[in-house]
Amino acid sequence: MGLRIVKSIPGGKIRQELFYLLRNEKHVHFAFGSVRVNGINKASQGMHSSKFCLNIAGDTPSSNRLFDAVASHCVPVIISDEIELPFEDVLDYSEFCVFVSASDAVKKGFLMKLIRGISREEWTRMWNKLKEVEHYFEFQFPSRKDDAVQMIWQAVARKVPAIRLKVHKSRRFSRFNIGR
């Protein structure tokens, strides 16, 4: 099946729990993405040869794990309850990712049963969708239409009206509340 787990160091509690739950599972491979000893290249090679890649919520609000998985055509298995995904207002991640709550992911046997239950047809559909959306996750120089740079600027542009509305609403009474 080829489940690749890319684990950043230092890892969060859930990553540690999943490591202990899955370390003896057949076809599960761990890659520790460290700059030292060619770790990043090893992780990248492993992702390219895997069908699924775990993207576990970490200690920081962003990471390159999702971008790496998409670029590798490795179906992301996103383990997080509150993750904010890039370009989610444009992309339907449920078409090319598997989502698992953190509490379910750490239940013994849950994750492997879920992944093994995904049919070849469903995985192929998700894999094909990954190939369709991968350009949104690629950084180009110079930037090209709908690459990651353009998508970031478009996301910012879509948020500006809501921010402007909030600022204007916050000023409604400020002019007349002087000295109160």
C-alpha atoms as a PDB file:
ATOM      1  CA  MET A   1       0.000   0.000   0.000  1.00  0.00           C
ATOM      2  CA  GLY A   2       2.837   2.405   0.724  1.00  0.00           C
ATOM      3  CA  LEU A   3       1.904   4.802   3.516  1.00  0.00           C
ATOM      4  CA  ARG A   4       4.637   7.354   4.006  1.00  0.00           C
ATOM      5  CA  ILE A   5       4.848   9.299   7.221  1.00  0.00           C
ATOM      6  CA  VAL A   6       6.920  12.429   7.037  1.00  0.00           C
ATOM      7  CA  LYS A   7       7.731  13.485  10.547  1.00  0.00           C
ATOM      8  CA  SER A   8       9.259  16.838  11.341  1.00  0.00           C
ATOM      9  CA  ILE A   9      11.514  17.241  14.331  1.00  0.00           C
ATOM     10  CA  PRO A  10      10.612  18.369  16.947  1.00  0.00           C
ATOM     11  CA  GLY A  11       7.373  16.448  16.766  1.00  0.00           C
ATOM     12  CA  GLY A  12       4.099  16.991  18.524  1.00  0.00           C
ATOM     13  CA  LYS A  13       2.393  14.519  20.797  1.00  0.00           C
ATOM     14  CA  ILE A  14       0.123  13.116  18.089  1.00  0.00           C
ATOM     15  CA  ARG A  15       3.062  12.420  15.793  1.00  0.00           C
ATOM     16  CA  GLN A  16       4.810  10.540  18.566  1.00  0.00           C
ATOM     17  CA  GLU A  17       1.689   8.491  19.316  1.00  0.00           C
ATOM     18  CA  LEU A  18       1.235   7.633  15.630  1.00  0.00           C
ATOM     19  CA  PHE A  19       4.883   6.624  15.355  1.00  0.00           C
ATOM     20  CA  TYR A  20       4.415   4.085  18.153  1.00  0.00           C
ATOM     21  CA  LEU A  21       1.082   2.875  16.753  1.00  0.00           C
ATOM     22  CA  LEU A  22       2.323   2.421  13.176  1.00  0.00           C
ATOM     23  CA  ARG A  23       6.028   1.654  13.439  1.00  0.00           C
ATOM     24  CA  ASN A  24       5.556  -2.117  13.077  1.00  0.00           C
ATOM     25  CA  GLU A  25       2.900  -1.955  10.341  1.00  0.00           C
ATOM     26  CA  LYS A  26       3.838  -3.525   7.044  1.00  0.00           C
ATOM     27  CA  HIS A  27       4.138  -0.978   4.197  1.00  0.00           C
ATOM     28  CA  VAL A  28       4.387   1.979   6.578  1.00  0.00           C
ATOM     29  CA  HIS A  29       7.598   3.954   6.215  1.00  0.00           C
ATOM     30  CA  PHE A  30       8.839   6.796   8.345  1.00  0.00           C
ATOM     31  CA  ALA A  31      11.029   9.561   6.973  1.00  0.00           C
ATOM     32  CA  PHE A  32      12.452  12.140   9.295  1.00  0.00           C
ATOM     33  CA  GLY A  33      12.691  15.398   7.343  1.00  0.00           C
ATOM     34  CA  SER A  34      15.914  16.848   8.615  1.00  0.00           C
ATOM     35  CA  VAL A  35      18.296  18.955   6.580  1.00  0.00           C
ATOM     36  CA  ARG A  36      21.183  16.870   7.896  1.00  0.00           C
ATOM     37  CA  VAL A  37      22.324  13.604   6.312  1.00  0.00           C
ATOM     38  CA  ASN A  38      20.278  14.052   3.141  1.00  0.00           C
ATOM     39  CA  GLY A  39      17.001  13.625   5.076  1.00  0.00           C
ATOM     40  CA  ILE A  40      14.957  15.930   2.873  1.00  0.00           C
ATOM     41  CA  ASN A  41      15.933  14.043  -0.309  1.00  0.00           C
ATOM     42  CA  LYS A  42      15.149  10.691   1.337  1.00  0.00           C
ATOM     43  CA  ALA A  43      11.743  11.954   2.459  1.00  0.00           C
ATOM     44  CA  SER A  44      11.008  13.291  -1.025  1.00  0.00           C
ATOM     45  CA  GLN A  45      11.981  10.017  -2.696  1.00  0.00           C
ATOM     46  CA  GLY A  46       9.786   8.125  -0.264  1.00  0.00           C
ATOM     47  CA  MET A  47       6.809  10.369  -0.911  1.00  0.00           C
ATOM     48  CA  HIS A  48       7.131   9.823  -4.665  1.00  0.00           C
ATOM     49  CA  SER A  49       6.933   6.060  -4.140  1.00  0.00           C
ATOM     50  CA  SER A  50       4.011   6.127  -1.671  1.00  0.00           C
ATOM     51  CA  LYS A  51       0.284   6.110  -2.257  1.00  0.00           C
ATOM     52  CA  PHE A  52      -0.616   7.998   0.935  1.00  0.00           C
ATOM     53  CA  CYS A  53       1.337  10.543   2.984  1.00  0.00           C
ATOM     54  CA  LEU A  54       0.357  11.556   6.487  1.00  0.00           C
ATOM     55  CA  ASN A  55       0.152  15.268   7.102  1.00  0.00           C
ATOM     56  CA  ILE A  56      -0.035  15.550  10.854  1.00  0.00           C
ATOM     57  CA  ALA A  57      -0.830  18.805  12.609  1.00  0.00           C
ATOM     58  CA  GLY A  58       2.359  20.183  14.058  1.00  0.00           C
ATOM     59  CA  ASP A  59       3.795  22.804  16.285  1.00  0.00           C
ATOM     60  CA  THR A  60       3.609  25.557  13.672  1.00  0.00           C
ATOM     61  CA  PRO A  61       0.668  26.912  11.669  1.00  0.00           C
ATOM     62  CA  SER A  62       2.279  26.015   8.367  1.00  0.00           C
ATOM     63  CA  SER A  63       4.656  23.515   6.856  1.00  0.00           C
ATOM     64  CA  ASN A  64       5.630  22.273   3.451  1.00  0.00           C
ATOM     65  CA  ARG A  65       4.379  18.700   4.043  1.00  0.00           C
ATOM     66  CA  LEU A  66       1.137  19.249   2.142  1.00  0.00           C
ATOM     67  CA  PHE A  67       2.893  20.932  -0.791  1.00  0.00           C
ATOM     68  CA  ASP A  68       5.439  18.095  -0.895  1.00  0.00           C
ATOM     69  CA  ALA A  69       2.719  15.430  -0.837  1.00  0.00           C
ATOM     70  CA  VAL A  70       0.755  17.079  -3.647  1.00  0.00           C
ATOM     71  CA  ALA A  71       3.893  17.573  -5.755  1.00  0.00           C
ATOM     72  CA  SER A  72       4.734  13.890  -5.194  1.00  0.00           C
ATOM     73  CA  HIS A  73       1.214  12.756  -6.183  1.00  0.00           C
ATOM     74  CA  CYS A  74       0.961  11.131  -2.780  1.00  0.00           C
ATOM     75  CA  VAL A  75      -2.629  11.368  -1.492  1.00  0.00           C
ATOM     76  CA  PRO A  76      -2.459  13.459   1.686  1.00  0.00           C
ATOM     77  CA  VAL A  77      -3.979  11.968   4.821  1.00  0.00           C
ATOM     78  CA  ILE A  78      -4.559  15.079   6.905  1.00  0.00           C
ATOM     79  CA  ILE A  79      -4.715  14.517  10.628  1.00  0.00           C
ATOM     80  CA  SER A  80      -5.974  17.659  12.283  1.00  0.00           C
ATOM     81  CA  ASP A  81      -9.138  19.019  13.783  1.00  0.00           C
ATOM     82  CA  GLU A  82      -8.583  22.704  13.074  1.00  0.00           C
ATOM     83  CA  ILE A  83      -6.215  22.965  10.110  1.00  0.00           C
ATOM     84  CA  GLU A  84      -6.562  25.920   7.771  1.00  0.00           C
ATOM     85  CA  LEU A  85      -5.570  24.761   4.306  1.00  0.00           C
ATOM     86  CA  PRO A  86      -4.195  27.001   1.585  1.00  0.00           C
ATOM     87  CA  PHE A  87      -6.653  28.067  -1.107  1.00  0.00           C
ATOM     88  CA  GLU A  88      -9.482  26.102   0.547  1.00  0.00           C
ATOM     89  CA  ASP A  89     -11.975  28.712  -0.607  1.00  0.00           C
ATOM     90  CA  VAL A  90     -11.078  27.655  -4.175  1.00  0.00           C
ATOM     91  CA  LEU A  91     -10.096  23.985  -3.842  1.00  0.00           C
ATOM     92  CA  ASP A  92     -12.251  21.174  -2.480  1.00  0.00           C
ATOM     93  CA  TYR A  93      -9.645  19.174  -0.587  1.00  0.00           C
ATOM     94  CA  SER A  94     -12.082  16.323   0.004  1.00  0.00           C
ATOM     95  CA  GLU A  95     -11.587  15.428  -3.664  1.00  0.00           C
ATOM     96  CA  PHE A  96      -7.889  14.613  -3.231  1.00  0.00           C
ATOM     97  CA  CYS A  97      -7.240  14.240   0.512  1.00  0.00           C
ATOM     98  CA  VAL A  98      -8.342  11.978   3.333  1.00  0.00           C
ATOM     99  CA  PHE A  99      -9.263  13.760   6.574  1.00  0.00           C
ATOM    100  CA  VAL A 100      -8.967  12.130   9.981  1.00  0.00           C
ATOM    101  CA  SER A 101      -9.643  13.731  13.343  1.00  0.00           C
ATOM    102  CA  ALA A 102      -6.762  13.604  15.791  1.00  0.00           C
ATOM    103  CA  SER A 103      -8.777  11.583  18.297  1.00  0.00           C
ATOM    104  CA  ASP A 104      -9.647   8.930  15.685  1.00  0.00           C
ATOM    105  CA  ALA A 105      -6.112   8.776  14.291  1.00  0.00           C
ATOM    106  CA  VAL A 106      -4.631   7.637  17.597  1.00  0.00           C
ATOM    107  CA  LYS A 107      -7.149   4.817  18.081  1.00  0.00           C
ATOM    108  CA  LYS A 108      -5.373   1.505  17.652  1.00  0.00           C
ATOM    109  CA  GLY A 109      -6.003   0.135  14.157  1.00  0.00           C
ATOM    110  CA  PHE A 110      -8.256   2.986  13.014  1.00  0.00           C
ATOM    111  CA  LEU A 111      -5.924   4.659  10.557  1.00  0.00           C
ATOM    112  CA  MET A 112      -4.739   1.484   8.841  1.00  0.00           C
ATOM    113  CA  LYS A 113      -8.296   0.172   8.542  1.00  0.00           C
ATOM    114  CA  LEU A 114      -9.413   3.465   7.021  1.00  0.00           C
ATOM    115  CA  ILE A 115      -6.581   3.591   4.488  1.00  0.00           C
ATOM    116  CA  ARG A 116      -6.845  -0.072   3.574  1.00  0.00           C
ATOM    117  CA  GLY A 117     -10.569   0.475   3.034  1.00  0.00           C
ATOM    118  CA  ILE A 118      -9.973   2.979   0.244  1.00  0.00           C
ATOM    119  CA  SER A 119     -10.564   1.157  -3.009  1.00  0.00           C
ATOM    120  CA  ARG A 120      -8.140   1.253  -5.908  1.00  0.00           C
ATOM    121  CA  GLU A 121     -10.755   3.169  -7.921  1.00  0.00           C
ATOM    122  CA  GLU A 122     -11.192   5.794  -5.196  1.00  0.00           C
ATOM    123  CA  TRP A 123      -7.434   6.190  -4.756  1.00  0.00           C
ATOM    124  CA  THR A 124      -7.007   6.538  -8.550  1.00  0.00           C
ATOM    125  CA  ARG A 125      -9.722   9.211  -8.642  1.00  0.00           C
ATOM    126  CA  MET A 126      -7.971  11.134  -5.848  1.00  0.00           C
ATOM    127  CA  TRP A 127      -4.567  10.670  -7.509  1.00  0.00           C
ATOM    128  CA  ASN A 128      -5.899  12.025 -10.809  1.00  0.00           C
ATOM    129  CA  LYS A 129      -7.358  15.036  -8.989  1.00  0.00           C
ATOM    130  CA  LEU A 130      -3.949  15.634  -7.358  1.00  0.00           C
ATOM    131  CA  LYS A 131      -2.423  15.823 -10.810  1.00  0.00           C
ATOM    132  CA  GLU A 132      -5.104  18.363 -11.818  1.00  0.00           C
ATOM    133  CA  VAL A 133      -4.454  20.675  -8.859  1.00  0.00           C
ATOM    134  CA  GLU A 134      -0.694  20.282  -8.414  1.00  0.00           C
ATOM    135  CA  HIS A 135       0.099  23.481 -10.336  1.00  0.00           C
ATOM    136  CA  TYR A 136      -1.628  25.487  -7.577  1.00  0.00           C
ATOM    137  CA  PHE A 137       1.076  24.248  -5.172  1.00  0.00           C
ATOM    138  CA  GLU A 138       4.112  24.907  -7.361  1.00  0.00           C
ATOM    139  CA  PHE A 139       6.268  27.991  -6.991  1.00  0.00           C
ATOM    140  CA  GLN A 140       7.574  29.271 -10.327  1.00  0.00           C
ATOM    141  CA  PHE A 141      10.040  31.974 -11.206  1.00  0.00           C
ATOM    142  CA  PRO A 142       8.853  33.981 -12.849  1.00  0.00           C
ATOM    143  CA  SER A 143       5.408  33.308 -11.468  1.00  0.00           C
ATOM    144  CA  ARG A 144       2.849  31.755 -13.846  1.00  0.00           C
ATOM    145  CA  LYS A 145      -0.921  31.817 -14.005  1.00  0.00           C
ATOM    146  CA  ASP A 146      -2.490  29.908 -11.080  1.00  0.00           C
ATOM    147  CA  ASP A 147       0.823  28.842  -9.505  1.00  0.00           C
ATOM    148  CA  ALA A 148       1.295  29.076  -5.726  1.00  0.00           C
ATOM    149  CA  VAL A 149       2.429  32.710  -5.841  1.00  0.00           C
ATOM    150  CA  GLN A 150      -0.602  33.764  -7.880  1.00  0.00           C
ATOM    151  CA  MET A 151      -2.905  31.721  -5.632  1.00  0.00           C
ATOM    152  CA  ILE A 152      -1.515  33.453  -2.538  1.00  0.00           C
ATOM    153  CA  TRP A 153      -2.082  36.899  -4.046  1.00  0.00           C
ATOM    154  CA  GLN A 154      -5.600  35.910  -5.133  1.00  0.00           C
ATOM    155  CA  ALA A 155      -6.357  34.660  -1.598  1.00  0.00           C
ATOM    156  CA  VAL A 156      -5.188  37.962  -0.146  1.00  0.00           C
ATOM    157  CA  ALA A 157      -7.313  39.881  -2.661  1.00  0.00           C
ATOM    158  CA  ARG A 158     -10.391  37.821  -1.720  1.00  0.00           C
ATOM    159  CA  LYS A 159      -9.884  38.642   1.968  1.00  0.00           C
ATOM    160  CA  VAL A 160      -9.467  42.406   1.542  1.00  0.00           C
ATOM    161  CA  PRO A 161     -13.225  43.229   1.235  1.00  0.00           C
ATOM    162  CA  ALA A 162     -14.037  41.335   4.449  1.00  0.00           C
ATOM    163  CA  ILE A 163     -11.203  43.069   6.288  1.00  0.00           C
ATOM    164  CA  ARG A 164     -12.296  46.456   4.946  1.00  0.00           C
ATOM    165  CA  LEU A 165     -15.887  45.751   6.070  1.00  0.00           C
ATOM    166  CA  LYS A 166     -14.720  44.831   9.574  1.00  0.00           C
ATOM    167  CA  VAL A 167     -12.594  47.985   9.831  1.00  0.00           C
ATOM    168  CA  HIS A 168     -15.477  50.177   8.682  1.00  0.00           C
ATOM    169  CA  LYS A 169     -17.882  48.541  11.143  1.00  0.00           C
ATOM    170  CA  SER A 170     -15.415  49.053  13.976  1.00  0.00           C
ATOM    171  CA  ARG A 171     -15.359  52.790  13.201  1.00  0.00           C
ATOM    172  CA  ARG A 172     -19.153  53.300  13.290  1.00  0.00           C
ATOM    173  CA  PHE A 173     -19.309  54.905  16.683  1.00  0.00           C
ATOM    174  CA  SER A 174     -15.695  55.971  17.180  1.00  0.00           C
ATOM    175  CA  ARG A 175     -16.276  59.514  15.943  1.00  0.00           C
ATOM    176  CA  PHE A 176     -18.947  60.170  18.572  1.00  0.00           C
ATOM    177  CA  ASN A 177     -17.438  58.279  21.518  1.00  0.00           C
ATOM    178  CA  ILE A 178     -14.626  60.720  22.179  1.00  0.00           C
ATOM    179  CA  GLY A 179     -14.155  61.376  25.871  1.00  0.00           C
ATOM    180  CA  ARG A 180     -16.410  58.583  27.105  1.00  0.00           C
END
